[in-house]
Structures are given as C-alpha cells and as structure tokens.
All heavy atoms as atom14 arrays in JSON, in Angstrom:
{
  "sequence": "IAEQVLKAMDAYDYNRYTEEDVMRAIESENRTLDDFGALLSPA",
  "atom14_mask": [
    [1, 1, 1, 1, 1, 1, 1, 1, 0, 0, 0, 0, 0, 0],
    [1, 1, 1, 1, 1, 0, 0, 0, 0, 0, 0, 0, 0, 0],
    [1, 1, 1, 1, 1, 1, 1, 1, 1, 0, 0, 0, 0, 0],
    [1, 1, 1, 1, 1, 1, 1, 1, 1, 0, 0, 0, 0, 0],
    [1, 1, 1, 1, 1, 1, 1, 0, 0, 0, 0, 0, 0, 0],
    [1, 1, 1, 1, 1, 1, 1, 1, 0, 0, 0, 0, 0, 0],
    [1, 1, 1, 1, 1, 1, 1, 1, 1, 0, 0, 0, 0, 0],
    [1, 1, 1, 1, 1, 0, 0, 0, 0, 0, 0, 0, 0, 0],
    [1, 1, 1, 1, 1, 1, 1, 1, 0, 0, 0, 0, 0, 0],
    [1, 1, 1, 1, 1, 1, 1, 1, 0, 0, 0, 0, 0, 0],
    [1, 1, 1, 1, 1, 0, 0, 0, 0, 0, 0, 0, 0, 0],
    [1, 1, 1, 1, 1, 1, 1, 1, 1, 1, 1, 1, 0, 0],
    [1, 1, 1, 1, 1, 1, 1, 1, 0, 0, 0, 0, 0, 0],
    [1, 1, 1, 1, 1, 1, 1, 1, 1, 1, 1, 1, 0, 0],
    [1, 1, 1, 1, 1, 1, 1, 1, 0, 0, 0, 0, 0, 0],
    [1, 1, 1, 1, 1, 1, 1, 1, 1, 1, 1, 0, 0, 0],
    [1, 1, 1, 1, 1, 1, 1, 1, 1, 1, 1, 1, 0, 0],
    [1, 1, 1, 1, 1, 1, 1, 0, 0, 0, 0, 0, 0, 0],
    [1, 1, 1, 1, 1, 1, 1, 1, 1, 0, 0, 0, 0, 0],
    [1, 1, 1, 1, 1, 1, 1, 1, 1, 0, 0, 0, 0, 0],
    [1, 1, 1, 1, 1, 1, 1, 1, 0, 0, 0, 0, 0, 0],
    [1, 1, 1, 1, 1, 1, 1, 0, 0, 0, 0, 0, 0, 0],
    [1, 1, 1, 1, 1, 1, 1, 1, 0, 0, 0, 0, 0, 0],
    [1, 1, 1, 1, 1, 1, 1, 1, 1, 1, 1, 0, 0, 0],
    [1, 1, 1, 1, 1, 0, 0, 0, 0, 0, 0, 0, 0, 0],
    [1, 1, 1, 1, 1, 1, 1, 1, 0, 0, 0, 0, 0, 0],
    [1, 1, 1, 1, 1, 1, 1, 1, 1, 0, 0, 0, 0, 0],
    [1, 1, 1, 1, 1, 1, 0, 0, 0, 0, 0, 0, 0, 0],
    [1, 1, 1, 1, 1, 1, 1, 1, 1, 0, 0, 0, 0, 0],
    [1, 1, 1, 1, 1, 1, 1, 1, 0, 0, 0, 0, 0, 0],
    [1, 1, 1, 1, 1, 1, 1, 1, 1, 1, 1, 0, 0, 0],
    [1, 1, 1, 1, 1, 1, 1, 0, 0, 0, 0, 0, 0, 0],
    [1, 1, 1, 1, 1, 1, 1, 1, 0, 0, 0, 0, 0, 0],
    [1, 1, 1, 1, 1, 1, 1, 1, 0, 0, 0, 0, 0, 0],
    [1, 1, 1, 1, 1, 1, 1, 1, 0, 0, 0, 0, 0, 0],
    [1, 1, 1, 1, 1, 1, 1, 1, 1, 1, 1, 0, 0, 0],
    [1, 1, 1, 1, 0, 0, 0, 0, 0, 0, 0, 0, 0, 0],
    [1, 1, 1, 1, 1, 0, 0, 0, 0, 0, 0, 0, 0, 0],
    [1, 1, 1, 1, 1, 1, 1, 1, 0, 0, 0, 0, 0, 0],
    [1, 1, 1, 1, 1, 1, 1, 1, 0, 0, 0, 0, 0, 0],
    [1, 1, 1, 1, 1, 1, 0, 0, 0, 0, 0, 0, 0, 0],
    [1, 1, 1, 1, 1, 1, 1, 0, 0, 0, 0, 0, 0, 0],
    [1, 1, 1, 1, 1, 0, 0, 0, 0, 0, 0, 0, 0, 0]
  ],
  "atom14_positions": [
    [[-4.39, -1.73, -3.99], [-3.21, -1.02, -3.47], [-2.76, 0.06, -4.44], [-2.53, 1.22, -4.05], [-2.06, -2.0, -3.2], [-2.4, -2.93, -2.03], [-0.76, -1.24, -2.9], [-2.46, -2.26, -0.68], [0.0, 0.0, 0.0], [0.0, 0.0, 0.0], [0.0, 0.0, 0.0], [0.0, 0.0, 0.0], [0.0, 0.0, 0.0], [0.0, 0.0, 0.0]],
    [[-2.63, -0.26, -5.71], [-2.17, 0.73, -6.7], [-3.11, 1.92, -6.75], [-2.67, 3.08, -6.83], [-2.04, 0.08, -8.07], [0.0, 0.0, 0.0], [0.0, 0.0, 0.0], [0.0, 0.0, 0.0], [0.0, 0.0, 0.0], [0.0, 0.0, 0.0], [0.0, 0.0, 0.0], [0.0, 0.0, 0.0], [0.0, 0.0, 0.0], [0.0, 0.0, 0.0]],
    [[-4.42, 1.64, -6.72], [-5.4, 2.72, -6.74], [-5.23, 3.63, -5.53], [-5.31, 4.86, -5.65], [-6.81, 2.12, -6.75], [-7.93, 3.14, -6.8], [-9.31, 2.5, -6.77], [-9.39, 1.27, -6.96], [-10.29, 3.24, -6.54], [0.0, 0.0, 0.0], [0.0, 0.0, 0.0], [0.0, 0.0, 0.0], [0.0, 0.0, 0.0], [0.0, 0.0, 0.0]],
    [[-4.99, 3.05, -4.37], [-4.79, 3.85, -3.16], [-3.53, 4.71, -3.26], [-3.53, 5.87, -2.84], [-4.68, 2.94, -1.94], [-5.96, 2.24, -1.54], [-5.77, 1.47, -0.24], [-5.51, 2.05, 0.81], [-5.9, 0.15, -0.32], [0.0, 0.0, 0.0], [0.0, 0.0, 0.0], [0.0, 0.0, 0.0], [0.0, 0.0, 0.0], [0.0, 0.0, 0.0]],
    [[-2.47, 4.14, -3.81], [-1.21, 4.88, -3.96], [-1.41, 6.1, -4.87], [-1.01, 7.22, -4.53], [-0.1, 3.97, -4.53], [1.14, 4.8, -4.88], [0.27, 2.89, -3.52], [0.0, 0.0, 0.0], [0.0, 0.0, 0.0], [0.0, 0.0, 0.0], [0.0, 0.0, 0.0], [0.0, 0.0, 0.0], [0.0, 0.0, 0.0], [0.0, 0.0, 0.0]],
    [[-2.01, 5.89, -6.02], [-2.2, 6.98, -6.97], [-3.15, 8.04, -6.43], [-2.94, 9.24, -6.66], [-2.71, 6.43, -8.3], [-1.75, 5.48, -9.03], [-2.35, 5.03, -10.35], [-0.39, 6.12, -9.26], [0.0, 0.0, 0.0], [0.0, 0.0, 0.0], [0.0, 0.0, 0.0], [0.0, 0.0, 0.0], [0.0, 0.0, 0.0], [0.0, 0.0, 0.0]],
    [[-4.17, 7.61, -5.71], [-5.1, 8.57, -5.11], [-4.39, 9.44, -4.08], [-4.57, 10.67, -4.04], [-6.26, 7.83, -4.45], [-7.33, 8.74, -3.87], [-8.48, 7.93, -3.29], [-9.54, 8.84, -2.69], [-10.68, 8.05, -2.1], [0.0, 0.0, 0.0], [0.0, 0.0, 0.0], [0.0, 0.0, 0.0], [0.0, 0.0, 0.0], [0.0, 0.0, 0.0]],
    [[-3.54, 8.82, -3.26], [-2.79, 9.58, -2.25], [-1.8, 10.53, -2.9], [-1.64, 11.69, -2.46], [-2.07, 8.62, -1.3], [0.0, 0.0, 0.0], [0.0, 0.0, 0.0], [0.0, 0.0, 0.0], [0.0, 0.0, 0.0], [0.0, 0.0, 0.0], [0.0, 0.0, 0.0], [0.0, 0.0, 0.0], [0.0, 0.0, 0.0], [0.0, 0.0, 0.0]],
    [[-1.13, 10.08, -3.96], [-0.16, 10.93, -4.65], [-0.85, 12.12, -5.3], [-0.36, 13.26, -5.24], [0.6, 10.13, -5.7], [1.69, 10.93, -6.42], [2.54, 9.99, -7.72], [1.22, 9.84, -8.92], [0.0, 0.0, 0.0], [0.0, 0.0, 0.0], [0.0, 0.0, 0.0], [0.0, 0.0, 0.0], [0.0, 0.0, 0.0], [0.0, 0.0, 0.0]],
    [[-1.99, 11.89, -5.92], [-2.72, 12.98, -6.57], [-3.16, 14.04, -5.56], [-3.23, 15.24, -5.88], [-3.95, 12.43, -7.29], [-3.6, 11.67, -8.56], [-2.46, 11.84, -9.05], [-4.45, 10.88, -9.04], [0.0, 0.0, 0.0], [0.0, 0.0, 0.0], [0.0, 0.0, 0.0], [0.0, 0.0, 0.0], [0.0, 0.0, 0.0], [0.0, 0.0, 0.0]],
    [[-3.46, 13.61, -4.33], [-3.93, 14.54, -3.3], [-2.78, 15.23, -2.56], [-3.03, 16.18, -1.79], [-4.81, 13.8, -2.3], [0.0, 0.0, 0.0], [0.0, 0.0, 0.0], [0.0, 0.0, 0.0], [0.0, 0.0, 0.0], [0.0, 0.0, 0.0], [0.0, 0.0, 0.0], [0.0, 0.0, 0.0], [0.0, 0.0, 0.0], [0.0, 0.0, 0.0]],
    [[-1.55, 14.79, -2.8], [-0.4, 15.3, -2.05], [0.01, 16.69, -2.54], [0.43, 16.86, -3.68], [0.77, 14.32, -2.18], [2.05, 14.77, -1.49], [2.03, 15.24, -0.18], [3.28, 14.69, -2.15], [3.2, 15.63, 0.45], [4.45, 15.07, -1.52], [4.41, 15.54, -0.22], [5.57, 15.93, 0.4], [0.0, 0.0, 0.0], [0.0, 0.0, 0.0]],
    [[-0.11, 17.66, -1.67], [0.3, 19.04, -1.96], [1.39, 19.42, -0.96], [1.11, 19.84, 0.16], [-0.9, 19.98, -1.84], [-0.51, 21.45, -2.05], [0.64, 21.71, -2.48], [-1.35, 22.33, -1.78], [0.0, 0.0, 0.0], [0.0, 0.0, 0.0], [0.0, 0.0, 0.0], [0.0, 0.0, 0.0], [0.0, 0.0, 0.0], [0.0, 0.0, 0.0]],
    [[2.64, 19.27, -1.37], [3.73, 19.49, -0.42], [3.92, 20.96, -0.05], [4.59, 21.28, 0.93], [5.04, 18.88, -0.93], [5.43, 19.23, -2.34], [5.89, 20.49, -2.69], [5.38, 18.25, -3.35], [6.27, 20.79, -3.99], [5.76, 18.54, -4.65], [6.2, 19.81, -4.96], [6.59, 20.1, -6.26], [0.0, 0.0, 0.0], [0.0, 0.0, 0.0]],
    [[3.34, 21.86, -0.82], [3.5, 23.28, -0.51], [2.59, 23.75, 0.64], [2.73, 24.88, 1.12], [3.22, 24.13, -1.75], [4.33, 24.0, -2.78], [5.51, 24.03, -2.44], [3.96, 23.83, -4.04], [0.0, 0.0, 0.0], [0.0, 0.0, 0.0], [0.0, 0.0, 0.0], [0.0, 0.0, 0.0], [0.0, 0.0, 0.0], [0.0, 0.0, 0.0]],
    [[1.69, 22.91, 1.08], [0.77, 23.34, 2.15], [1.37, 23.16, 3.54], [0.82, 23.65, 4.53], [-0.54, 22.57, 2.06], [-0.47, 21.12, 2.48], [-1.86, 20.49, 2.44], [-1.87, 19.07, 2.82], [-1.93, 18.64, 4.07], [-1.97, 19.49, 5.08], [-1.96, 17.34, 4.32], [0.0, 0.0, 0.0], [0.0, 0.0, 0.0], [0.0, 0.0, 0.0]],
    [[2.52, 22.46, 3.63], [3.09, 22.18, 4.95], [3.95, 23.34, 5.45], [4.58, 24.06, 4.66], [3.93, 20.9, 4.91], [3.12, 19.66, 4.62], [3.04, 19.13, 3.33], [2.4, 19.03, 5.63], [2.29, 17.99, 3.07], [1.64, 17.89, 5.38], [1.59, 17.39, 4.09], [0.84, 16.27, 3.82], [0.0, 0.0, 0.0], [0.0, 0.0, 0.0]],
    [[3.99, 23.49, 6.77], [4.81, 24.52, 7.41], [5.93, 23.85, 8.2], [5.93, 22.63, 8.41], [3.96, 25.35, 8.38], [3.51, 24.5, 9.46], [2.74, 25.95, 7.68], [0.0, 0.0, 0.0], [0.0, 0.0, 0.0], [0.0, 0.0, 0.0], [0.0, 0.0, 0.0], [0.0, 0.0, 0.0], [0.0, 0.0, 0.0], [0.0, 0.0, 0.0]],
    [[6.87, 24.66, 8.63], [7.96, 24.14, 9.45], [7.41, 23.54, 10.75], [7.94, 22.56, 11.27], [8.96, 25.25, 9.76], [10.25, 24.75, 10.39], [11.29, 25.84, 10.49], [11.56, 26.51, 9.47], [11.84, 26.02, 11.6], [0.0, 0.0, 0.0], [0.0, 0.0, 0.0], [0.0, 0.0, 0.0], [0.0, 0.0, 0.0], [0.0, 0.0, 0.0]],
    [[6.34, 24.11, 11.25], [5.7, 23.56, 12.45], [5.16, 22.16, 12.2], [5.28, 21.27, 13.05], [4.56, 24.49, 12.9], [3.87, 24.03, 14.18], [2.74, 24.98, 14.58], [2.63, 26.07, 13.98], [1.97, 24.61, 15.49], [0.0, 0.0, 0.0], [0.0, 0.0, 0.0], [0.0, 0.0, 0.0], [0.0, 0.0, 0.0], [0.0, 0.0, 0.0]],
    [[4.58, 21.94, 11.02], [4.1, 20.61, 10.65], [5.25, 19.61, 10.6], [5.12, 18.46, 11.04], [3.42, 20.64, 9.27], [2.15, 21.48, 9.25], [1.44, 21.5, 10.27], [1.89, 22.12, 8.21], [0.0, 0.0, 0.0], [0.0, 0.0, 0.0], [0.0, 0.0, 0.0], [0.0, 0.0, 0.0], [0.0, 0.0, 0.0], [0.0, 0.0, 0.0]],
    [[6.37, 20.07, 10.06], [7.54, 19.19, 9.93], [8.06, 18.8, 11.32], [8.34, 17.63, 11.58], [8.65, 19.87, 9.11], [9.89, 18.97, 9.05], [8.15, 20.18, 7.7], [0.0, 0.0, 0.0], [0.0, 0.0, 0.0], [0.0, 0.0, 0.0], [0.0, 0.0, 0.0], [0.0, 0.0, 0.0], [0.0, 0.0, 0.0], [0.0, 0.0, 0.0]],
    [[8.2, 19.77, 12.22], [8.7, 19.48, 13.56], [7.75, 18.53, 14.3], [8.2, 17.64, 15.03], [8.88, 20.77, 14.35], [10.02, 21.65, 13.85], [11.62, 20.77, 13.76], [11.84, 20.24, 15.47], [0.0, 0.0, 0.0], [0.0, 0.0, 0.0], [0.0, 0.0, 0.0], [0.0, 0.0, 0.0], [0.0, 0.0, 0.0], [0.0, 0.0, 0.0]],
    [[6.47, 18.7, 14.11], [5.51, 17.8, 14.74], [5.69, 16.38, 14.2], [5.62, 15.4, 14.96], [4.09, 18.3, 14.48], [3.02, 17.48, 15.2], [1.67, 18.19, 15.23], [1.26, 18.65, 13.92], [1.17, 19.94, 13.57], [1.51, 20.89, 14.42], [0.77, 20.28, 12.35], [0.0, 0.0, 0.0], [0.0, 0.0, 0.0], [0.0, 0.0, 0.0]],
    [[5.96, 16.24, 12.9], [6.19, 14.93, 12.3], [7.48, 14.3, 12.82], [7.54, 13.1, 13.09], [6.23, 15.05, 10.78], [0.0, 0.0, 0.0], [0.0, 0.0, 0.0], [0.0, 0.0, 0.0], [0.0, 0.0, 0.0], [0.0, 0.0, 0.0], [0.0, 0.0, 0.0], [0.0, 0.0, 0.0], [0.0, 0.0, 0.0], [0.0, 0.0, 0.0]],
    [[8.52, 15.12, 12.96], [9.79, 14.62, 13.47], [9.64, 14.07, 14.88], [10.17, 13.01, 15.24], [10.87, 15.73, 13.44], [11.24, 16.08, 11.99], [12.12, 15.31, 14.23], [12.16, 17.28, 11.86], [0.0, 0.0, 0.0], [0.0, 0.0, 0.0], [0.0, 0.0, 0.0], [0.0, 0.0, 0.0], [0.0, 0.0, 0.0], [0.0, 0.0, 0.0]],
    [[8.89, 14.76, 15.7], [8.76, 14.41, 17.12], [7.68, 13.37, 17.4], [7.59, 12.85, 18.51], [8.48, 15.68, 17.93], [9.63, 16.67, 17.88], [9.25, 18.07, 18.35], [8.06, 18.25, 18.76], [10.11, 18.97, 18.31], [0.0, 0.0, 0.0], [0.0, 0.0, 0.0], [0.0, 0.0, 0.0], [0.0, 0.0, 0.0], [0.0, 0.0, 0.0]],
    [[6.87, 13.05, 16.4], [5.77, 12.11, 16.6], [6.3, 10.7, 16.87], [7.32, 10.27, 16.32], [4.87, 12.09, 15.37], [3.88, 11.09, 15.49], [0.0, 0.0, 0.0], [0.0, 0.0, 0.0], [0.0, 0.0, 0.0], [0.0, 0.0, 0.0], [0.0, 0.0, 0.0], [0.0, 0.0, 0.0], [0.0, 0.0, 0.0], [0.0, 0.0, 0.0]],
    [[5.58, 9.96, 17.7], [5.94, 8.57, 17.98], [5.23, 7.61, 17.04], [5.67, 6.47, 16.86], [5.61, 8.23, 19.44], [6.48, 8.98, 20.46], [6.22, 8.52, 21.87], [5.39, 7.6, 22.05], [6.82, 9.08, 22.8], [0.0, 0.0, 0.0], [0.0, 0.0, 0.0], [0.0, 0.0, 0.0], [0.0, 0.0, 0.0], [0.0, 0.0, 0.0]],
    [[4.12, 8.02, 16.48], [3.35, 7.19, 15.55], [3.06, 8.0, 14.29], [2.0, 8.62, 14.15], [2.05, 6.72, 16.19], [2.29, 5.85, 17.41], [2.8, 4.74, 17.28], [1.92, 6.34, 18.58], [0.0, 0.0, 0.0], [0.0, 0.0, 0.0], [0.0, 0.0, 0.0], [0.0, 0.0, 0.0], [0.0, 0.0, 0.0], [0.0, 0.0, 0.0]],
    [[4.02, 8.01, 13.36], [3.92, 8.88, 12.19], [2.92, 8.33, 11.18], [2.82, 7.14, 10.95], [5.3, 9.05, 11.55], [6.29, 9.74, 12.5], [7.67, 9.92, 11.9], [8.59, 10.4, 12.94], [9.33, 9.59, 13.68], [9.32, 8.28, 13.47], [10.11, 10.11, 14.62], [0.0, 0.0, 0.0], [0.0, 0.0, 0.0], [0.0, 0.0, 0.0]],
    [[2.2, 9.24, 10.58], [1.19, 8.92, 9.58], [1.73, 9.26, 8.19], [2.81, 9.86, 8.04], [-0.08, 9.74, 9.84], [0.23, 11.13, 9.66], [-0.59, 9.5, 11.26], [0.0, 0.0, 0.0], [0.0, 0.0, 0.0], [0.0, 0.0, 0.0], [0.0, 0.0, 0.0], [0.0, 0.0, 0.0], [0.0, 0.0, 0.0], [0.0, 0.0, 0.0]],
    [[0.94, 8.93, 7.18], [1.31, 9.33, 5.82], [1.3, 10.85, 5.66], [2.08, 11.4, 4.88], [0.36, 8.69, 4.8], [0.55, 7.18, 4.57], [-0.5, 6.67, 3.59], [1.95, 6.87, 4.06], [0.0, 0.0, 0.0], [0.0, 0.0, 0.0], [0.0, 0.0, 0.0], [0.0, 0.0, 0.0], [0.0, 0.0, 0.0], [0.0, 0.0, 0.0]],
    [[0.46, 11.53, 6.43], [0.47, 13.0, 6.39], [1.76, 13.54, 6.98], [2.34, 14.51, 6.47], [-0.73, 13.56, 7.14], [-0.89, 15.06, 6.93], [-1.01, 15.48, 5.75], [-0.88, 15.82, 7.91], [0.0, 0.0, 0.0], [0.0, 0.0, 0.0], [0.0, 0.0, 0.0], [0.0, 0.0, 0.0], [0.0, 0.0, 0.0], [0.0, 0.0, 0.0]],
    [[2.26, 12.92, 8.04], [3.57, 13.29, 8.59], [4.66, 13.07, 7.55], [5.56, 13.9, 7.39], [3.88, 12.46, 9.84], [2.99, 12.8, 11.01], [2.6, 13.97, 11.15], [2.69, 11.88, 11.8], [0.0, 0.0, 0.0], [0.0, 0.0, 0.0], [0.0, 0.0, 0.0], [0.0, 0.0, 0.0], [0.0, 0.0, 0.0], [0.0, 0.0, 0.0]],
    [[4.57, 11.95, 6.87], [5.54, 11.63, 5.81], [5.53, 12.71, 4.73], [6.58, 13.15, 4.26], [5.19, 10.26, 5.22], [6.1, 9.78, 4.12], [7.48, 9.73, 4.28], [5.57, 9.34, 2.92], [8.31, 9.26, 3.28], [6.38, 8.87, 1.91], [7.76, 8.83, 2.09], [0.0, 0.0, 0.0], [0.0, 0.0, 0.0], [0.0, 0.0, 0.0]],
    [[4.34, 13.15, 4.36], [4.23, 14.23, 3.38], [4.91, 15.5, 3.85], [5.57, 16.2, 3.06], [0.0, 0.0, 0.0], [0.0, 0.0, 0.0], [0.0, 0.0, 0.0], [0.0, 0.0, 0.0], [0.0, 0.0, 0.0], [0.0, 0.0, 0.0], [0.0, 0.0, 0.0], [0.0, 0.0, 0.0], [0.0, 0.0, 0.0], [0.0, 0.0, 0.0]],
    [[4.78, 15.82, 5.14], [5.44, 17.0, 5.69], [6.96, 16.84, 5.63], [7.69, 17.79, 5.29], [4.98, 17.22, 7.12], [0.0, 0.0, 0.0], [0.0, 0.0, 0.0], [0.0, 0.0, 0.0], [0.0, 0.0, 0.0], [0.0, 0.0, 0.0], [0.0, 0.0, 0.0], [0.0, 0.0, 0.0], [0.0, 0.0, 0.0], [0.0, 0.0, 0.0]],
    [[7.45, 15.65, 5.94], [8.9, 15.4, 5.96], [9.53, 15.52, 4.57], [10.72, 15.83, 4.45], [9.17, 14.01, 6.53], [8.8, 13.82, 8.0], [8.85, 12.34, 8.38], [9.72, 14.63, 8.91], [0.0, 0.0, 0.0], [0.0, 0.0, 0.0], [0.0, 0.0, 0.0], [0.0, 0.0, 0.0], [0.0, 0.0, 0.0], [0.0, 0.0, 0.0]],
    [[8.74, 15.3, 3.53], [9.23, 15.41, 2.16], [9.03, 16.81, 1.57], [9.5, 17.09, 0.47], [8.52, 14.4, 1.25], [8.93, 12.93, 1.41], [7.98, 12.04, 0.63], [10.37, 12.71, 0.96], [0.0, 0.0, 0.0], [0.0, 0.0, 0.0], [0.0, 0.0, 0.0], [0.0, 0.0, 0.0], [0.0, 0.0, 0.0], [0.0, 0.0, 0.0]],
    [[8.39, 17.7, 2.29], [8.04, 19.02, 1.76], [9.23, 19.98, 1.79], [10.2, 19.77, 2.53], [6.9, 19.62, 2.59], [7.36, 20.01, 3.87], [0.0, 0.0, 0.0], [0.0, 0.0, 0.0], [0.0, 0.0, 0.0], [0.0, 0.0, 0.0], [0.0, 0.0, 0.0], [0.0, 0.0, 0.0], [0.0, 0.0, 0.0], [0.0, 0.0, 0.0]],
    [[9.18, 21.04, 1.0], [10.23, 22.07, 1.05], [10.38, 22.68, 2.44], [11.47, 23.13, 2.81], [9.75, 23.11, 0.04], [8.89, 22.35, -0.91], [8.2, 21.31, -0.08], [0.0, 0.0, 0.0], [0.0, 0.0, 0.0], [0.0, 0.0, 0.0], [0.0, 0.0, 0.0], [0.0, 0.0, 0.0], [0.0, 0.0, 0.0], [0.0, 0.0, 0.0]],
    [[9.32, 22.68, 3.24], [9.38, 23.25, 4.58], [10.33, 22.48, 5.5], [10.73, 23.0, 6.55], [7.98, 23.27, 5.2], [0.0, 0.0, 0.0], [0.0, 0.0, 0.0], [0.0, 0.0, 0.0], [0.0, 0.0, 0.0], [0.0, 0.0, 0.0], [0.0, 0.0, 0.0], [0.0, 0.0, 0.0], [0.0, 0.0, 0.0], [0.0, 0.0, 0.0]]
  ]
}
C-alpha cells in the first residue's frame, strides 16, 4: 500500500489539469483517483 501511495504521488502533476477536467470530475458518478487529482488542482 505505501509503495502504491508514493508511486501515485510521484506521478501526480496537478498543473496538467484543465477546468474541463475538473468539471468532468465534479459531475462524474464514479470518481477515480485521476478525478481526485483534478479536484485538487489549481484549475
């Protein structure tokens, strides 16, 4: 589990998300970790 967490954090680039990505995450019924990344982004 710890290895998976650190691997995901290392790969997380919050600057790559757009406002469109964020709105898609907000409206999604089954949110993924990628959606979560968008929700935490500056966008």
